[in-house]
Amino acid sequence: MKMDLPALVILILASTLSVQALKQGECEVCIKVLDKFRNTLSEDVLKDHKKIESEFKDFCKGVKNKENRFCYYLGGLEESATGILGEMSKPLSWSLPSDKICEKLKKRDAQICELRYDVQIDLKTVDLKKLKVRDLKKILNDWGEECEGCIEKSEYLKRIEDLKPKHTEL
């Protein structure tokens, strides 16, 4: 039986797209938030997807940063534009693992898996001169400090070195 090339290419592409599992580090915020949320639920709540949705909305009131953004995407916040809570709550009530739930959510909204936690910089081991200005600004921001009038990298480095003893004490 002779198969034409375009049909074969389409068949191969379709099979690879439908079997894509999550890669290492992908959907890290989704998986962590769902694991943390699942641990707050009692057995009777875990069996009812409507109760799960209600509890998730309460859970989302106390989260910040990337986790807050995740709640926004799912519809767990008052100001959420859309809501796909059912896509999360039903599989959760079936005891599906968090990574599989996130895989399903990714198909509905790819933004959910684009969320990543910020990498924490260890000031004791890192060479500040090799960091980008963006990372230097983040260090200052995490400390609640500013570098007024700083334009060049060397100015940010000097400011961080000046403040380092104050913020790295035990």
N, C-alpha and C. Protein backbone atom coordinates (compact mmCIF):
# COMPACT_ATOMS: atom_id res chain seq x y z
N MET A 1 0.84 -1.18 0.00
CA MET A 1 0.00 0.00 0.00
C MET A 1 0.89 1.24 0.00
N LYS A 2 0.64 2.13 -0.93
CA LYS A 2 1.45 3.33 -1.08
C LYS A 2 0.76 4.50 -0.37
N MET A 3 1.51 5.19 0.52
CA MET A 3 0.95 6.34 1.25
C MET A 3 1.68 7.58 0.77
N ASP A 4 0.94 8.64 0.50
CA ASP A 4 1.62 9.84 0.02
C ASP A 4 2.29 10.58 1.18
N LEU A 5 3.32 11.32 0.87
CA LEU A 5 4.17 11.99 1.85
C LEU A 5 3.42 12.99 2.73
N PRO A 6 2.58 13.87 2.19
CA PRO A 6 1.86 14.83 3.07
C PRO A 6 0.98 14.14 4.11
N ALA A 7 0.33 13.06 3.73
CA ALA A 7 -0.51 12.34 4.68
C ALA A 7 0.33 11.74 5.80
N LEU A 8 1.48 11.22 5.45
CA LEU A 8 2.39 10.63 6.43
C LEU A 8 2.90 11.69 7.41
N VAL A 9 3.27 12.86 6.88
CA VAL A 9 3.75 13.96 7.73
C VAL A 9 2.66 14.41 8.69
N ILE A 10 1.44 14.55 8.20
CA ILE A 10 0.31 14.96 9.05
C ILE A 10 0.06 13.92 10.13
N LEU A 11 0.12 12.67 9.77
CA LEU A 11 -0.09 11.59 10.74
C LEU A 11 0.96 11.62 11.85
N ILE A 12 2.21 11.82 11.49
CA ILE A 12 3.29 11.88 12.48
C ILE A 12 3.14 13.10 13.38
N LEU A 13 2.83 14.25 12.79
CA LEU A 13 2.64 15.46 13.59
C LEU A 13 1.48 15.32 14.56
N ALA A 14 0.38 14.76 14.10
CA ALA A 14 -0.79 14.59 14.96
C ALA A 14 -0.49 13.67 16.13
N SER A 15 0.27 12.62 15.88
CA SER A 15 0.57 11.69 16.97
C SER A 15 1.53 12.30 17.99
N THR A 16 2.48 13.13 17.54
CA THR A 16 3.41 13.73 18.50
C THR A 16 2.76 14.84 19.29
N LEU A 17 1.85 15.58 18.70
CA LEU A 17 1.19 16.67 19.42
C LEU A 17 0.22 16.16 20.47
N SER A 18 -0.41 15.04 20.22
CA SER A 18 -1.41 14.54 21.15
C SER A 18 -0.80 13.82 22.35
N VAL A 19 0.47 13.45 22.30
CA VAL A 19 1.09 12.69 23.37
C VAL A 19 2.16 13.50 24.09
N GLN A 20 2.00 14.81 24.14
CA GLN A 20 3.02 15.62 24.79
C GLN A 20 2.75 15.70 26.29
N ALA A 21 3.64 15.13 27.05
CA ALA A 21 3.56 15.23 28.50
C ALA A 21 4.36 16.46 28.93
N LEU A 22 4.21 16.82 30.19
CA LEU A 22 4.93 17.98 30.70
C LEU A 22 6.42 17.68 30.80
N LYS A 23 7.21 18.67 30.46
CA LYS A 23 8.66 18.54 30.59
C LYS A 23 9.06 18.94 32.01
N GLN A 24 10.27 18.56 32.39
CA GLN A 24 10.79 18.89 33.72
C GLN A 24 10.80 20.40 33.92
N GLY A 25 10.23 20.88 35.01
CA GLY A 25 10.21 22.31 35.32
C GLY A 25 9.05 23.05 34.69
N GLU A 26 8.32 22.40 33.81
CA GLU A 26 7.18 23.04 33.17
C GLU A 26 5.99 23.00 34.13
N CYS A 27 5.22 24.03 34.15
CA CYS A 27 4.03 24.15 35.00
C CYS A 27 4.37 24.08 36.48
N GLU A 28 5.56 24.55 36.87
CA GLU A 28 5.98 24.42 38.26
C GLU A 28 5.05 25.14 39.23
N VAL A 29 4.56 26.32 38.84
CA VAL A 29 3.66 27.06 39.72
C VAL A 29 2.34 26.31 39.85
N CYS A 30 1.81 25.84 38.74
CA CYS A 30 0.55 25.10 38.74
C CYS A 30 0.63 23.88 39.65
N ILE A 31 1.66 23.08 39.48
CA ILE A 31 1.80 21.85 40.26
C ILE A 31 1.96 22.16 41.74
N LYS A 32 2.79 23.14 42.08
CA LYS A 32 3.01 23.47 43.49
C LYS A 32 1.74 24.01 44.14
N VAL A 33 1.03 24.88 43.44
CA VAL A 33 -0.19 25.47 44.00
C VAL A 33 -1.25 24.38 44.19
N LEU A 34 -1.42 23.52 43.21
CA LEU A 34 -2.41 22.45 43.35
C LEU A 34 -2.05 21.48 44.47
N ASP A 35 -0.77 21.16 44.62
CA ASP A 35 -0.35 20.28 45.72
C ASP A 35 -0.61 20.95 47.07
N LYS A 36 -0.26 22.23 47.16
CA LYS A 36 -0.47 22.95 48.42
C LYS A 36 -1.97 23.05 48.73
N PHE A 37 -2.77 23.33 47.70
CA PHE A 37 -4.22 23.45 47.87
C PHE A 37 -4.82 22.11 48.27
N ARG A 38 -4.40 21.04 47.59
CA ARG A 38 -4.93 19.70 47.89
C ARG A 38 -4.68 19.33 49.35
N ASN A 39 -3.53 19.72 49.90
CA ASN A 39 -3.19 19.41 51.29
C ASN A 39 -4.04 20.15 52.30
N THR A 40 -4.73 21.22 51.87
CA THR A 40 -5.59 21.97 52.79
C THR A 40 -7.01 21.40 52.83
N LEU A 41 -7.33 20.49 51.93
CA LEU A 41 -8.71 19.99 51.81
C LEU A 41 -8.95 18.75 52.67
N SER A 42 -10.16 18.67 53.20
CA SER A 42 -10.55 17.48 53.96
C SER A 42 -11.09 16.43 52.98
N GLU A 43 -11.26 15.21 53.45
CA GLU A 43 -11.71 14.10 52.59
C GLU A 43 -13.09 14.36 52.00
N ASP A 44 -14.03 14.91 52.81
CA ASP A 44 -15.38 15.13 52.28
C ASP A 44 -15.41 16.24 51.23
N VAL A 45 -14.55 17.24 51.36
CA VAL A 45 -14.49 18.31 50.36
C VAL A 45 -13.88 17.77 49.07
N LEU A 46 -12.91 16.89 49.17
CA LEU A 46 -12.24 16.34 47.99
C LEU A 46 -13.16 15.52 47.09
N LYS A 47 -14.31 15.13 47.59
CA LYS A 47 -15.23 14.31 46.80
C LYS A 47 -16.22 15.15 46.00
N ASP A 48 -16.36 16.44 46.32
CA ASP A 48 -17.36 17.29 45.68
C ASP A 48 -16.68 18.45 44.95
N HIS A 49 -16.80 18.48 43.64
CA HIS A 49 -16.09 19.50 42.86
C HIS A 49 -16.61 20.91 43.13
N LYS A 50 -17.86 21.06 43.49
CA LYS A 50 -18.40 22.40 43.81
C LYS A 50 -17.78 22.93 45.10
N LYS A 51 -17.61 22.06 46.09
CA LYS A 51 -16.96 22.47 47.34
C LYS A 51 -15.48 22.80 47.08
N ILE A 52 -14.86 22.04 46.19
CA ILE A 52 -13.46 22.30 45.85
C ILE A 52 -13.33 23.69 45.24
N GLU A 53 -14.24 24.06 44.34
CA GLU A 53 -14.20 25.38 43.70
C GLU A 53 -14.36 26.48 44.74
N SER A 54 -15.29 26.29 45.66
CA SER A 54 -15.51 27.28 46.72
C SER A 54 -14.27 27.43 47.60
N GLU A 55 -13.69 26.30 47.98
CA GLU A 55 -12.48 26.32 48.81
C GLU A 55 -11.30 26.95 48.06
N PHE A 56 -11.24 26.72 46.75
CA PHE A 56 -10.15 27.29 45.96
C PHE A 56 -10.24 28.81 45.94
N LYS A 57 -11.45 29.33 45.85
CA LYS A 57 -11.63 30.79 45.86
C LYS A 57 -11.17 31.36 47.20
N ASP A 58 -11.47 30.67 48.29
CA ASP A 58 -10.99 31.10 49.61
C ASP A 58 -9.46 31.00 49.69
N PHE A 59 -8.92 29.91 49.18
CA PHE A 59 -7.47 29.68 49.17
C PHE A 59 -6.76 30.80 48.42
N CYS A 60 -7.33 31.23 47.31
CA CYS A 60 -6.70 32.24 46.46
C CYS A 60 -6.64 33.62 47.11
N LYS A 61 -7.46 33.86 48.11
CA LYS A 61 -7.43 35.16 48.79
C LYS A 61 -6.12 35.37 49.54
N GLY A 62 -5.45 34.30 49.91
CA GLY A 62 -4.23 34.42 50.71
C GLY A 62 -2.94 34.20 49.96
N VAL A 63 -2.97 34.18 48.63
CA VAL A 63 -1.74 33.94 47.87
C VAL A 63 -1.26 35.21 47.20
N LYS A 64 0.03 35.23 46.87
CA LYS A 64 0.65 36.42 46.26
C LYS A 64 1.49 36.02 45.06
N ASN A 65 1.90 37.03 44.31
CA ASN A 65 2.84 36.90 43.20
C ASN A 65 2.38 35.90 42.14
N LYS A 66 3.22 34.92 41.83
CA LYS A 66 2.93 33.96 40.76
C LYS A 66 1.71 33.11 41.08
N GLU A 67 1.54 32.77 42.35
CA GLU A 67 0.40 31.96 42.74
C GLU A 67 -0.90 32.75 42.56
N ASN A 68 -0.84 34.06 42.83
CA ASN A 68 -1.99 34.92 42.62
C ASN A 68 -2.33 34.97 41.13
N ARG A 69 -1.32 35.06 40.30
CA ARG A 69 -1.52 35.09 38.84
C ARG A 69 -2.15 33.78 38.38
N PHE A 70 -1.72 32.65 38.96
CA PHE A 70 -2.30 31.34 38.64
C PHE A 70 -3.79 31.32 38.99
N CYS A 71 -4.11 31.82 40.18
CA CYS A 71 -5.51 31.89 40.60
C CYS A 71 -6.32 32.76 39.64
N TYR A 72 -5.72 33.85 39.19
CA TYR A 72 -6.39 34.74 38.24
C TYR A 72 -6.71 34.00 36.94
N TYR A 73 -5.76 33.25 36.43
CA TYR A 73 -5.97 32.52 35.18
C TYR A 73 -7.08 31.47 35.31
N LEU A 74 -7.15 30.82 36.48
CA LEU A 74 -8.17 29.78 36.67
C LEU A 74 -9.55 30.35 36.95
N GLY A 75 -9.61 31.57 37.46
CA GLY A 75 -10.89 32.16 37.81
C GLY A 75 -11.17 32.09 39.30
N GLY A 76 -10.13 31.95 40.09
CA GLY A 76 -10.29 31.85 41.54
C GLY A 76 -10.34 33.19 42.26
N LEU A 77 -10.17 34.28 41.52
CA LEU A 77 -10.20 35.61 42.12
C LEU A 77 -11.44 36.37 41.66
N GLU A 78 -11.85 37.33 42.47
CA GLU A 78 -13.03 38.15 42.13
C GLU A 78 -12.83 38.85 40.79
N GLU A 79 -11.61 39.35 40.56
CA GLU A 79 -11.35 40.14 39.35
C GLU A 79 -10.98 39.30 38.13
N SER A 80 -11.02 37.99 38.24
CA SER A 80 -10.68 37.12 37.11
C SER A 80 -11.64 37.36 35.95
N ALA A 81 -11.06 37.48 34.76
CA ALA A 81 -11.88 37.75 33.57
C ALA A 81 -12.63 36.50 33.11
N THR A 82 -12.00 35.36 33.23
CA THR A 82 -12.64 34.11 32.82
C THR A 82 -12.48 33.09 33.94
N GLY A 83 -13.14 31.97 33.79
CA GLY A 83 -13.02 30.95 34.81
C GLY A 83 -13.03 29.55 34.23
N ILE A 84 -12.04 28.78 34.57
CA ILE A 84 -12.01 27.37 34.17
C ILE A 84 -11.80 26.50 35.42
N LEU A 85 -12.45 26.91 36.50
CA LEU A 85 -12.31 26.17 37.76
C LEU A 85 -12.76 24.72 37.63
N GLY A 86 -13.78 24.48 36.82
CA GLY A 86 -14.28 23.12 36.63
C GLY A 86 -13.23 22.20 36.04
N GLU A 87 -12.35 22.77 35.21
CA GLU A 87 -11.27 21.99 34.60
C GLU A 87 -10.26 21.54 35.65
N MET A 88 -10.23 22.24 36.79
CA MET A 88 -9.31 21.89 37.87
C MET A 88 -10.03 21.07 38.93
N SER A 89 -11.26 21.46 39.29
CA SER A 89 -11.93 20.85 40.43
C SER A 89 -12.40 19.42 40.16
N LYS A 90 -12.91 19.15 38.98
CA LYS A 90 -13.39 17.79 38.70
C LYS A 90 -12.26 16.77 38.71
N PRO A 91 -11.16 17.00 37.98
CA PRO A 91 -10.05 16.03 38.06
C PRO A 91 -9.48 15.91 39.48
N LEU A 92 -9.50 17.01 40.23
CA LEU A 92 -9.01 16.97 41.61
C LEU A 92 -9.91 16.06 42.45
N SER A 93 -11.22 16.11 42.19
CA SER A 93 -12.15 15.26 42.94
C SER A 93 -12.01 13.79 42.54
N TRP A 94 -11.44 13.54 41.36
CA TRP A 94 -11.19 12.16 40.92
C TRP A 94 -9.83 11.66 41.38
N SER A 95 -9.12 12.44 42.18
CA SER A 95 -7.79 12.12 42.70
C SER A 95 -6.73 12.02 41.60
N LEU A 96 -6.89 12.79 40.54
CA LEU A 96 -5.88 12.85 39.48
C LEU A 96 -4.66 13.59 40.01
N PRO A 97 -3.44 13.16 39.70
CA PRO A 97 -2.24 13.85 40.18
C PRO A 97 -2.17 15.28 39.63
N SER A 98 -1.51 16.15 40.37
CA SER A 98 -1.43 17.56 40.00
C SER A 98 -0.80 17.78 38.63
N ASP A 99 0.23 17.01 38.30
CA ASP A 99 0.87 17.21 36.99
C ASP A 99 -0.08 16.89 35.84
N LYS A 100 -0.94 15.90 36.01
CA LYS A 100 -1.91 15.55 34.96
C LYS A 100 -2.99 16.63 34.86
N ILE A 101 -3.39 17.18 36.00
CA ILE A 101 -4.38 18.26 35.98
C ILE A 101 -3.79 19.46 35.26
N CYS A 102 -2.54 19.78 35.55
CA CYS A 102 -1.88 20.92 34.91
C CYS A 102 -1.73 20.69 33.41
N GLU A 103 -1.51 19.45 33.03
CA GLU A 103 -1.42 19.11 31.61
C GLU A 103 -2.74 19.43 30.91
N LYS A 104 -3.86 19.08 31.56
CA LYS A 104 -5.18 19.38 31.00
C LYS A 104 -5.43 20.89 30.97
N LEU A 105 -5.03 21.57 32.04
CA LEU A 105 -5.22 23.03 32.10
C LEU A 105 -4.40 23.73 31.02
N LYS A 106 -3.22 23.19 30.74
CA LYS A 106 -2.36 23.78 29.72
C LYS A 106 -3.03 23.76 28.35
N LYS A 107 -3.79 22.71 28.09
CA LYS A 107 -4.50 22.62 26.81
C LYS A 107 -5.57 23.70 26.70
N ARG A 108 -6.17 24.06 27.83
CA ARG A 108 -7.20 25.11 27.83
C ARG A 108 -6.61 26.51 27.82
N ASP A 109 -5.51 26.71 28.57
CA ASP A 109 -4.89 28.03 28.66
C ASP A 109 -3.38 27.85 28.85
N ALA A 110 -2.62 28.09 27.81
CA ALA A 110 -1.17 27.87 27.84
C ALA A 110 -0.46 28.77 28.83
N GLN A 111 -1.05 29.92 29.17
CA GLN A 111 -0.42 30.85 30.12
C GLN A 111 -0.18 30.20 31.48
N ILE A 112 -1.04 29.27 31.83
CA ILE A 112 -0.95 28.62 33.14
C ILE A 112 0.41 27.96 33.33
N CYS A 113 0.92 27.35 32.29
CA CYS A 113 2.20 26.65 32.40
C CYS A 113 3.39 27.54 32.07
N GLU A 114 3.14 28.77 31.68
CA GLU A 114 4.24 29.70 31.42
C GLU A 114 4.70 30.38 32.71
N LEU A 115 3.92 30.26 33.77
CA LEU A 115 4.31 30.86 35.06
C LEU A 115 5.50 30.11 35.63
N ARG A 116 6.49 30.86 36.07
CA ARG A 116 7.69 30.28 36.68
C ARG A 116 8.02 31.06 37.94
N TYR A 117 8.54 30.36 38.94
CA TYR A 117 9.01 31.04 40.14
C TYR A 117 10.33 31.73 39.83
N ASP A 118 10.56 32.87 40.47
CA ASP A 118 11.82 33.58 40.30
C ASP A 118 12.93 32.78 40.97
N VAL A 119 14.07 32.74 40.34
CA VAL A 119 15.23 32.04 40.91
C VAL A 119 15.83 32.91 42.01
N GLN A 120 16.02 32.33 43.18
CA GLN A 120 16.61 33.06 44.29
C GLN A 120 18.13 33.11 44.11
N ILE A 121 18.68 34.28 44.31
CA ILE A 121 20.12 34.48 44.14
C ILE A 121 20.80 34.37 45.50
N ASP A 122 21.80 33.49 45.60
CA ASP A 122 22.56 33.32 46.83
C ASP A 122 23.72 34.31 46.81
N LEU A 123 23.61 35.36 47.60
CA LEU A 123 24.60 36.43 47.58
C LEU A 123 25.96 36.01 48.12
N LYS A 124 26.01 34.92 48.87
CA LYS A 124 27.28 34.48 49.44
C LYS A 124 28.16 33.80 48.39
N THR A 125 27.53 33.18 47.39
CA THR A 125 28.30 32.42 46.41
C THR A 125 28.33 33.05 45.02
N VAL A 126 27.41 33.95 44.71
CA VAL A 126 27.31 34.49 43.35
C VAL A 126 28.32 35.61 43.12
N ASP A 127 28.83 35.69 41.89
CA ASP A 127 29.70 36.79 41.50
C ASP A 127 28.80 37.89 40.93
N LEU A 128 28.62 38.95 41.71
CA LEU A 128 27.70 40.02 41.33
C LEU A 128 28.06 40.65 39.99
N LYS A 129 29.33 40.67 39.66
CA LYS A 129 29.77 41.30 38.41
C LYS A 129 29.27 40.55 37.18
N LYS A 130 28.93 39.28 37.36
CA LYS A 130 28.45 38.48 36.23
C LYS A 130 26.94 38.54 36.06
N LEU A 131 26.24 39.16 37.02
CA LEU A 131 24.79 39.28 36.92
C LEU A 131 24.40 40.41 35.97
N LYS A 132 23.19 40.31 35.44
CA LYS A 132 22.67 41.38 34.59
C LYS A 132 22.11 42.48 35.48
N VAL A 133 21.99 43.68 34.92
CA VAL A 133 21.46 44.82 35.66
C VAL A 133 20.06 44.50 36.18
N ARG A 134 19.28 43.80 35.38
CA ARG A 134 17.93 43.40 35.79
C ARG A 134 17.97 42.62 37.10
N ASP A 135 18.92 41.68 37.23
CA ASP A 135 19.05 40.88 38.44
C ASP A 135 19.53 41.73 39.62
N LEU A 136 20.41 42.68 39.35
CA LEU A 136 20.88 43.59 40.41
C LEU A 136 19.72 44.44 40.92
N LYS A 137 18.89 44.91 40.00
CA LYS A 137 17.70 45.68 40.40
C LYS A 137 16.76 44.82 41.23
N LYS A 138 16.63 43.55 40.87
CA LYS A 138 15.76 42.64 41.61
C LYS A 138 16.26 42.44 43.04
N ILE A 139 17.57 42.32 43.20
CA ILE A 139 18.15 42.18 44.54
C ILE A 139 17.78 43.38 45.39
N LEU A 140 17.98 44.56 44.84
CA LEU A 140 17.64 45.79 45.58
C LEU A 140 16.15 45.84 45.88
N ASN A 141 15.33 45.47 44.93
CA ASN A 141 13.88 45.48 45.12
C ASN A 141 13.46 44.50 46.21
N ASP A 142 14.06 43.31 46.22
CA ASP A 142 13.76 42.32 47.25
C ASP A 142 14.12 42.83 48.64
N TRP A 143 15.16 43.64 48.71
CA TRP A 143 15.58 44.23 49.98
C TRP A 143 14.73 45.43 50.35
N GLY A 144 13.91 45.92 49.43
CA GLY A 144 13.13 47.13 49.68
C GLY A 144 13.96 48.39 49.56
N GLU A 145 15.04 48.31 48.82
CA GLU A 145 15.96 49.44 48.64
C GLU A 145 15.88 49.95 47.21
N GLU A 146 16.40 51.16 47.01
CA GLU A 146 16.46 51.74 45.67
C GLU A 146 17.87 52.24 45.40
N CYS A 147 18.12 52.49 44.16
CA CYS A 147 19.41 53.05 43.76
C CYS A 147 19.09 54.28 42.92
N GLU A 148 18.83 55.38 43.62
CA GLU A 148 18.44 56.61 42.93
C GLU A 148 19.60 57.16 42.12
N GLY A 149 19.33 57.49 40.89
CA GLY A 149 20.35 58.05 40.02
C GLY A 149 21.28 57.03 39.41
N CYS A 150 21.07 55.76 39.69
CA CYS A 150 21.94 54.72 39.12
C CYS A 150 21.58 54.49 37.66
N ILE A 151 22.60 54.50 36.84
CA ILE A 151 22.39 54.26 35.41
C ILE A 151 23.25 53.08 34.96
N GLU A 152 24.48 53.06 35.40
CA GLU A 152 25.40 52.02 34.95
C GLU A 152 25.46 50.86 35.94
N LYS A 153 25.89 49.73 35.44
CA LYS A 153 26.00 48.51 36.24
C LYS A 153 26.91 48.72 37.44
N SER A 154 27.99 49.44 37.26
CA SER A 154 28.95 49.66 38.35
C SER A 154 28.29 50.40 39.51
N GLU A 155 27.35 51.28 39.22
CA GLU A 155 26.65 52.03 40.28
C GLU A 155 25.74 51.09 41.08
N TYR A 156 25.07 50.18 40.39
CA TYR A 156 24.22 49.20 41.07
C TYR A 156 25.08 48.27 41.93
N LEU A 157 26.23 47.85 41.40
CA LEU A 157 27.14 46.98 42.15
C LEU A 157 27.61 47.66 43.43
N LYS A 158 27.97 48.94 43.33
CA LYS A 158 28.44 49.68 44.50
C LYS A 158 27.34 49.78 45.54
N ARG A 159 26.12 50.07 45.10
CA ARG A 159 24.98 50.19 46.03
C ARG A 159 24.72 48.87 46.75
N ILE A 160 24.76 47.77 46.01
CA ILE A 160 24.54 46.45 46.62
C ILE A 160 25.65 46.12 47.60
N GLU A 161 26.89 46.40 47.24
CA GLU A 161 28.01 46.14 48.14
C GLU A 161 27.89 46.98 49.41
N ASP A 162 27.40 48.21 49.29
CA ASP A 162 27.21 49.07 50.46
C ASP A 162 26.13 48.52 51.39
N LEU A 163 25.06 47.97 50.81
CA LEU A 163 23.92 47.49 51.59
C LEU A 163 24.04 46.02 52.01
N LYS A 164 24.97 45.31 51.42
CA LYS A 164 25.10 43.87 51.66
C LYS A 164 25.23 43.52 53.15
N PRO A 165 26.08 44.20 53.92
CA PRO A 165 26.20 43.84 55.35
C PRO A 165 24.87 43.99 56.11
N LYS A 166 24.09 44.97 55.74
CA LYS A 166 22.81 45.23 56.41
C LYS A 166 21.79 44.12 56.13
N HIS A 167 21.80 43.58 54.92
CA HIS A 167 20.76 42.63 54.51
C HIS A 167 21.18 41.18 54.52
N THR A 168 22.44 40.88 54.74
CA THR A 168 22.87 39.49 54.76
C THR A 168 23.26 39.01 56.14
N GLU A 169 22.95 39.80 57.16
CA GLU A 169 23.23 39.37 58.53
C GLU A 169 22.28 38.26 58.92
N LEU A 170 22.72 37.40 59.82
CA LEU A 170 21.88 36.29 60.29
C LEU A 170 20.87 36.74 61.25
